[in-house]
Amino acid sequence: MSSADPGTFQLDPAIEARVRFNAQGLVPAVVQAADTQEVLMMAWMDSHALAYTLATRQGTYYSRSRQEYWIKGQTSGATQRVTEVRLDCDGDTVLLKVEQTGGACHTGDRTCFDADLLLSSAN
């Protein structure tokens, strides 16, 4: 893993012009397993986190509650190797396809969507 500070990375201006960051300078990032296509998690990125992710292929996000960067797996060991990054048609959501090692959720679950089923085809 890189030890560089994500906050020092600058997004390519051509890419930055295509991303519609919100008023807080953030864009939602949907994270999907490259192999199974399941949605693993959703997080937020600013331009530095996106630039760092593109440069290092490490899933890197901005924590709104802690107001700091977090590189997925840096403390937990549950890493994300980014294989693909896409923008949606409006440029206001980023899709990351990753090779996930360990659980993607901070609870240790495989995905952040494992625990609270509201509706399924079975009910």
N, C-alpha and C. Protein backbone atom coordinates (compact mmCIF):
# COMPACT_ATOMS: atom_id res chain seq x y z
N MET A 1 0.83 -1.19 0.00
CA MET A 1 0.00 0.00 0.00
C MET A 1 0.87 1.24 0.00
N SER A 2 0.38 2.26 -0.65
CA SER A 2 1.08 3.52 -0.68
C SER A 2 0.95 4.21 0.67
N SER A 3 1.99 4.91 1.08
CA SER A 3 1.95 5.64 2.34
C SER A 3 1.74 7.13 2.11
N ALA A 4 1.53 7.53 0.87
CA ALA A 4 1.33 8.94 0.55
C ALA A 4 0.00 9.43 1.10
N ASP A 5 -0.11 10.71 1.36
CA ASP A 5 -1.33 11.34 1.85
C ASP A 5 -2.29 11.56 0.69
N PRO A 6 -3.48 10.93 0.73
CA PRO A 6 -4.44 11.13 -0.36
C PRO A 6 -4.78 12.59 -0.61
N GLY A 7 -4.73 13.42 0.43
CA GLY A 7 -5.05 14.83 0.29
C GLY A 7 -4.08 15.62 -0.57
N THR A 8 -2.94 15.02 -0.89
CA THR A 8 -1.97 15.70 -1.74
C THR A 8 -2.14 15.36 -3.22
N PHE A 9 -2.99 14.40 -3.53
CA PHE A 9 -3.19 13.98 -4.92
C PHE A 9 -4.18 14.91 -5.61
N GLN A 10 -3.89 15.26 -6.85
CA GLN A 10 -4.75 16.16 -7.63
C GLN A 10 -5.39 15.38 -8.77
N LEU A 11 -6.68 15.59 -8.91
CA LEU A 11 -7.44 14.94 -9.97
C LEU A 11 -7.13 15.61 -11.31
N ASP A 12 -6.98 14.80 -12.34
CA ASP A 12 -6.77 15.33 -13.69
C ASP A 12 -7.90 16.31 -13.99
N PRO A 13 -7.58 17.53 -14.44
CA PRO A 13 -8.62 18.53 -14.71
C PRO A 13 -9.68 18.06 -15.70
N ALA A 14 -9.31 17.24 -16.67
CA ALA A 14 -10.28 16.73 -17.64
C ALA A 14 -11.29 15.81 -16.97
N ILE A 15 -10.84 15.03 -15.98
CA ILE A 15 -11.76 14.17 -15.23
C ILE A 15 -12.57 15.01 -14.26
N GLU A 16 -11.91 15.92 -13.56
CA GLU A 16 -12.61 16.76 -12.58
C GLU A 16 -13.75 17.55 -13.22
N ALA A 17 -13.58 17.96 -14.46
CA ALA A 17 -14.62 18.72 -15.16
C ALA A 17 -15.85 17.86 -15.44
N ARG A 18 -15.67 16.54 -15.45
CA ARG A 18 -16.79 15.63 -15.76
C ARG A 18 -17.52 15.16 -14.52
N VAL A 19 -16.92 15.32 -13.34
CA VAL A 19 -17.54 14.86 -12.09
C VAL A 19 -18.32 16.01 -11.47
N ARG A 20 -19.57 15.73 -11.12
CA ARG A 20 -20.41 16.74 -10.47
C ARG A 20 -20.39 16.52 -8.97
N PHE A 21 -19.43 17.15 -8.31
CA PHE A 21 -19.33 17.07 -6.85
C PHE A 21 -20.46 17.90 -6.24
N ASN A 22 -20.97 17.48 -5.08
CA ASN A 22 -22.04 18.23 -4.43
C ASN A 22 -21.49 19.49 -3.75
N ALA A 23 -22.34 20.21 -3.05
CA ALA A 23 -21.95 21.48 -2.42
C ALA A 23 -20.83 21.29 -1.40
N GLN A 24 -20.71 20.09 -0.84
CA GLN A 24 -19.64 19.79 0.12
C GLN A 24 -18.37 19.30 -0.56
N GLY A 25 -18.39 19.27 -1.89
CA GLY A 25 -17.22 18.82 -2.64
C GLY A 25 -17.08 17.31 -2.69
N LEU A 26 -18.20 16.60 -2.51
CA LEU A 26 -18.17 15.13 -2.46
C LEU A 26 -19.03 14.53 -3.56
N VAL A 27 -18.72 13.30 -3.90
CA VAL A 27 -19.51 12.53 -4.86
C VAL A 27 -19.72 11.14 -4.26
N PRO A 28 -20.94 10.58 -4.36
CA PRO A 28 -21.14 9.22 -3.85
C PRO A 28 -20.40 8.20 -4.71
N ALA A 29 -19.86 7.21 -4.04
CA ALA A 29 -19.14 6.13 -4.72
C ALA A 29 -19.80 4.81 -4.36
N VAL A 30 -20.35 4.15 -5.36
CA VAL A 30 -20.93 2.82 -5.19
C VAL A 30 -19.82 1.82 -5.50
N VAL A 31 -19.63 0.87 -4.59
CA VAL A 31 -18.54 -0.08 -4.73
C VAL A 31 -19.13 -1.46 -5.00
N GLN A 32 -18.70 -2.07 -6.11
CA GLN A 32 -19.25 -3.32 -6.59
C GLN A 32 -18.13 -4.36 -6.71
N ALA A 33 -18.43 -5.59 -6.35
CA ALA A 33 -17.47 -6.69 -6.50
C ALA A 33 -17.27 -6.98 -7.99
N ALA A 34 -16.05 -6.99 -8.44
CA ALA A 34 -15.75 -7.23 -9.85
C ALA A 34 -16.16 -8.64 -10.28
N ASP A 35 -16.06 -9.60 -9.37
CA ASP A 35 -16.36 -10.99 -9.74
C ASP A 35 -17.85 -11.33 -9.67
N THR A 36 -18.53 -10.95 -8.60
CA THR A 36 -19.94 -11.34 -8.41
C THR A 36 -20.92 -10.25 -8.82
N GLN A 37 -20.44 -9.05 -9.03
CA GLN A 37 -21.26 -7.88 -9.36
C GLN A 37 -22.14 -7.40 -8.21
N GLU A 38 -22.01 -7.98 -7.01
CA GLU A 38 -22.82 -7.53 -5.88
C GLU A 38 -22.35 -6.17 -5.39
N VAL A 39 -23.29 -5.36 -4.93
CA VAL A 39 -22.94 -4.06 -4.37
C VAL A 39 -22.40 -4.30 -2.96
N LEU A 40 -21.17 -3.85 -2.72
CA LEU A 40 -20.52 -4.10 -1.44
C LEU A 40 -20.76 -2.97 -0.45
N MET A 41 -20.71 -1.74 -0.91
CA MET A 41 -20.81 -0.59 -0.02
C MET A 41 -21.03 0.68 -0.81
N MET A 42 -21.33 1.73 -0.09
CA MET A 42 -21.42 3.07 -0.66
C MET A 42 -20.61 3.98 0.27
N ALA A 43 -19.85 4.85 -0.31
CA ALA A 43 -19.04 5.78 0.47
C ALA A 43 -18.97 7.11 -0.30
N TRP A 44 -18.23 8.05 0.24
CA TRP A 44 -18.08 9.37 -0.38
C TRP A 44 -16.64 9.60 -0.77
N MET A 45 -16.44 10.32 -1.87
CA MET A 45 -15.10 10.69 -2.32
C MET A 45 -15.09 12.19 -2.60
N ASP A 46 -13.96 12.81 -2.32
CA ASP A 46 -13.73 14.15 -2.84
C ASP A 46 -12.73 14.01 -3.99
N SER A 47 -12.31 15.11 -4.56
CA SER A 47 -11.43 15.01 -5.73
C SER A 47 -10.10 14.36 -5.39
N HIS A 48 -9.60 14.56 -4.17
CA HIS A 48 -8.32 13.96 -3.78
C HIS A 48 -8.45 12.45 -3.60
N ALA A 49 -9.55 12.00 -2.97
CA ALA A 49 -9.77 10.56 -2.79
C ALA A 49 -9.91 9.86 -4.14
N LEU A 50 -10.63 10.51 -5.06
CA LEU A 50 -10.78 9.93 -6.40
C LEU A 50 -9.44 9.91 -7.12
N ALA A 51 -8.68 10.98 -7.01
CA ALA A 51 -7.35 11.02 -7.65
C ALA A 51 -6.43 9.95 -7.08
N TYR A 52 -6.46 9.77 -5.77
CA TYR A 52 -5.62 8.76 -5.12
C TYR A 52 -6.04 7.36 -5.57
N THR A 53 -7.34 7.12 -5.63
CA THR A 53 -7.86 5.83 -6.07
C THR A 53 -7.41 5.53 -7.50
N LEU A 54 -7.54 6.51 -8.39
CA LEU A 54 -7.13 6.31 -9.78
C LEU A 54 -5.62 6.07 -9.89
N ALA A 55 -4.84 6.73 -9.06
CA ALA A 55 -3.38 6.60 -9.14
C ALA A 55 -2.86 5.31 -8.52
N THR A 56 -3.52 4.83 -7.46
CA THR A 56 -2.99 3.69 -6.72
C THR A 56 -3.80 2.40 -6.86
N ARG A 57 -5.03 2.51 -7.36
CA ARG A 57 -5.95 1.37 -7.46
C ARG A 57 -6.35 0.84 -6.08
N GLN A 58 -6.25 1.68 -5.06
CA GLN A 58 -6.69 1.33 -3.72
C GLN A 58 -7.97 2.12 -3.43
N GLY A 59 -9.04 1.44 -2.99
CA GLY A 59 -10.28 2.13 -2.67
C GLY A 59 -10.04 3.14 -1.56
N THR A 60 -10.22 4.42 -1.88
CA THR A 60 -9.93 5.50 -0.94
C THR A 60 -11.12 6.44 -0.88
N TYR A 61 -11.54 6.77 0.33
CA TYR A 61 -12.78 7.51 0.52
C TYR A 61 -12.57 8.66 1.51
N TYR A 62 -13.60 9.49 1.60
CA TYR A 62 -13.56 10.59 2.56
C TYR A 62 -14.65 10.37 3.60
N SER A 63 -14.25 10.28 4.85
CA SER A 63 -15.20 10.07 5.95
C SER A 63 -15.79 11.41 6.36
N ARG A 64 -17.09 11.55 6.17
CA ARG A 64 -17.76 12.80 6.56
C ARG A 64 -17.79 12.95 8.07
N SER A 65 -17.95 11.87 8.80
CA SER A 65 -18.03 11.97 10.26
C SER A 65 -16.67 12.28 10.89
N ARG A 66 -15.62 11.66 10.37
CA ARG A 66 -14.27 11.89 10.92
C ARG A 66 -13.54 13.02 10.20
N GLN A 67 -14.07 13.43 9.08
CA GLN A 67 -13.45 14.46 8.24
C GLN A 67 -11.99 14.14 7.93
N GLU A 68 -11.80 12.90 7.43
CA GLU A 68 -10.47 12.46 7.05
C GLU A 68 -10.57 11.37 5.98
N TYR A 69 -9.46 11.11 5.32
CA TYR A 69 -9.41 10.08 4.29
C TYR A 69 -9.26 8.71 4.95
N TRP A 70 -9.83 7.71 4.30
CA TRP A 70 -9.58 6.34 4.72
C TRP A 70 -9.36 5.47 3.49
N ILE A 71 -8.27 4.75 3.56
CA ILE A 71 -7.91 3.82 2.51
C ILE A 71 -8.42 2.46 2.98
N LYS A 72 -9.35 1.90 2.23
CA LYS A 72 -10.01 0.66 2.64
C LYS A 72 -8.97 -0.42 2.91
N GLY A 73 -9.00 -0.95 4.11
CA GLY A 73 -8.12 -2.04 4.50
C GLY A 73 -6.85 -1.62 5.20
N GLN A 74 -6.59 -0.32 5.27
CA GLN A 74 -5.35 0.13 5.88
C GLN A 74 -5.25 -0.29 7.35
N THR A 75 -6.37 -0.27 8.06
CA THR A 75 -6.35 -0.72 9.46
C THR A 75 -6.98 -2.09 9.63
N SER A 76 -7.97 -2.43 8.80
CA SER A 76 -8.70 -3.70 8.97
C SER A 76 -8.07 -4.87 8.23
N GLY A 77 -7.31 -4.60 7.19
CA GLY A 77 -6.78 -5.66 6.34
C GLY A 77 -7.73 -6.10 5.24
N ALA A 78 -8.98 -5.57 5.27
CA ALA A 78 -9.99 -5.90 4.26
C ALA A 78 -9.83 -4.92 3.09
N THR A 79 -8.96 -5.25 2.17
CA THR A 79 -8.55 -4.31 1.13
C THR A 79 -9.44 -4.37 -0.11
N GLN A 80 -9.33 -3.32 -0.89
CA GLN A 80 -10.01 -3.24 -2.18
C GLN A 80 -8.99 -2.88 -3.25
N ARG A 81 -8.82 -3.78 -4.21
CA ARG A 81 -8.02 -3.46 -5.39
C ARG A 81 -8.99 -3.04 -6.46
N VAL A 82 -8.88 -1.79 -6.89
CA VAL A 82 -9.83 -1.23 -7.85
C VAL A 82 -9.45 -1.68 -9.26
N THR A 83 -10.42 -2.29 -9.94
CA THR A 83 -10.17 -2.78 -11.29
C THR A 83 -10.79 -1.88 -12.36
N GLU A 84 -11.80 -1.09 -11.96
CA GLU A 84 -12.49 -0.23 -12.93
C GLU A 84 -13.17 0.91 -12.18
N VAL A 85 -13.17 2.09 -12.80
CA VAL A 85 -13.88 3.25 -12.26
C VAL A 85 -14.69 3.86 -13.38
N ARG A 86 -15.98 4.11 -13.10
CA ARG A 86 -16.89 4.70 -14.09
C ARG A 86 -17.67 5.84 -13.47
N LEU A 87 -18.10 6.76 -14.30
CA LEU A 87 -19.05 7.80 -13.90
C LEU A 87 -20.41 7.42 -14.44
N ASP A 88 -21.47 7.76 -13.70
CA ASP A 88 -22.81 7.54 -14.25
C ASP A 88 -23.10 8.59 -15.31
N CYS A 89 -24.26 8.47 -15.94
CA CYS A 89 -24.59 9.32 -17.09
C CYS A 89 -24.67 10.81 -16.73
N ASP A 90 -24.95 11.14 -15.47
CA ASP A 90 -25.01 12.53 -15.04
C ASP A 90 -23.70 13.04 -14.45
N GLY A 91 -22.76 12.14 -14.23
CA GLY A 91 -21.48 12.53 -13.65
C GLY A 91 -21.55 12.78 -12.15
N ASP A 92 -22.68 12.40 -11.51
CA ASP A 92 -22.81 12.70 -10.09
C ASP A 92 -22.72 11.47 -9.18
N THR A 93 -22.30 10.34 -9.74
CA THR A 93 -22.05 9.13 -8.95
C THR A 93 -20.91 8.36 -9.60
N VAL A 94 -20.01 7.86 -8.77
CA VAL A 94 -18.89 7.07 -9.25
C VAL A 94 -19.16 5.60 -8.93
N LEU A 95 -18.84 4.72 -9.87
CA LEU A 95 -18.93 3.28 -9.66
C LEU A 95 -17.52 2.72 -9.66
N LEU A 96 -17.17 2.04 -8.57
CA LEU A 96 -15.88 1.36 -8.49
C LEU A 96 -16.13 -0.13 -8.52
N LYS A 97 -15.43 -0.83 -9.38
CA LYS A 97 -15.43 -2.29 -9.36
C LYS A 97 -14.13 -2.70 -8.70
N VAL A 98 -14.25 -3.60 -7.72
CA VAL A 98 -13.08 -3.94 -6.91
C VAL A 98 -12.92 -5.43 -6.72
N GLU A 99 -11.70 -5.83 -6.45
CA GLU A 99 -11.41 -7.16 -5.94
C GLU A 99 -11.32 -6.99 -4.43
N GLN A 100 -12.34 -7.46 -3.73
CA GLN A 100 -12.45 -7.28 -2.29
C GLN A 100 -11.77 -8.44 -1.56
N THR A 101 -10.91 -8.11 -0.61
CA THR A 101 -10.31 -9.10 0.28
C THR A 101 -10.89 -8.85 1.66
N GLY A 102 -11.57 -9.85 2.23
CA GLY A 102 -12.22 -9.68 3.52
C GLY A 102 -13.54 -8.94 3.35
N GLY A 103 -14.18 -8.64 4.45
CA GLY A 103 -15.46 -7.96 4.41
C GLY A 103 -15.34 -6.51 3.98
N ALA A 104 -16.30 -6.06 3.19
CA ALA A 104 -16.31 -4.66 2.77
C ALA A 104 -16.90 -3.74 3.84
N CYS A 105 -17.79 -4.29 4.66
CA CYS A 105 -18.47 -3.48 5.67
C CYS A 105 -17.60 -3.35 6.93
N HIS A 106 -17.71 -2.21 7.59
CA HIS A 106 -16.95 -2.01 8.84
C HIS A 106 -17.38 -2.99 9.94
N THR A 107 -18.54 -3.65 9.77
CA THR A 107 -18.99 -4.65 10.75
C THR A 107 -18.32 -6.00 10.52
N GLY A 108 -17.64 -6.14 9.39
CA GLY A 108 -17.01 -7.40 9.03
C GLY A 108 -17.82 -8.21 8.04
N ASP A 109 -19.09 -7.80 7.79
CA ASP A 109 -19.91 -8.49 6.80
C ASP A 109 -19.31 -8.33 5.41
N ARG A 110 -19.65 -9.25 4.53
CA ARG A 110 -19.17 -9.19 3.14
C ARG A 110 -19.59 -7.87 2.50
N THR A 111 -20.87 -7.48 2.69
CA THR A 111 -21.34 -6.21 2.14
C THR A 111 -22.00 -5.40 3.24
N CYS A 112 -22.18 -4.14 3.00
CA CYS A 112 -22.89 -3.27 3.95
C CYS A 112 -24.39 -3.47 3.86
N PHE A 113 -24.83 -4.33 2.95
CA PHE A 113 -26.25 -4.55 2.73
C PHE A 113 -26.71 -5.95 3.16
N ASP A 114 -25.92 -6.63 3.99
CA ASP A 114 -26.25 -7.97 4.43
C ASP A 114 -27.25 -8.03 5.58
N ALA A 115 -27.30 -7.02 6.43
CA ALA A 115 -27.96 -7.14 7.72
C ALA A 115 -29.43 -6.72 7.78
N ASP A 116 -29.88 -5.82 6.94
CA ASP A 116 -31.21 -5.22 7.14
C ASP A 116 -32.08 -5.34 5.90
N LEU A 117 -32.65 -6.52 5.69
CA LEU A 117 -33.50 -6.81 4.54
C LEU A 117 -34.88 -6.20 4.75
N LEU A 118 -35.28 -5.31 3.87
CA LEU A 118 -36.59 -4.66 3.96
C LEU A 118 -37.63 -5.34 3.09
N LEU A 119 -37.21 -5.91 1.96
CA LEU A 119 -38.14 -6.56 1.03
C LEU A 119 -37.36 -7.55 0.19
N SER A 120 -37.95 -8.69 -0.05
CA SER A 120 -37.33 -9.66 -0.96
C SER A 120 -38.44 -10.34 -1.75
N SER A 121 -38.05 -11.09 -2.76
CA SER A 121 -39.04 -11.80 -3.57
C SER A 121 -39.71 -12.92 -2.77
N ALA A 122 -39.14 -13.30 -1.65
CA ALA A 122 -39.70 -14.37 -0.82
C ALA A 122 -40.84 -13.87 0.07
N ASN A 123 -40.99 -12.55 0.22
CA ASN A 123 -42.08 -12.07 1.07
C ASN A 123 -42.96 -11.06 0.41
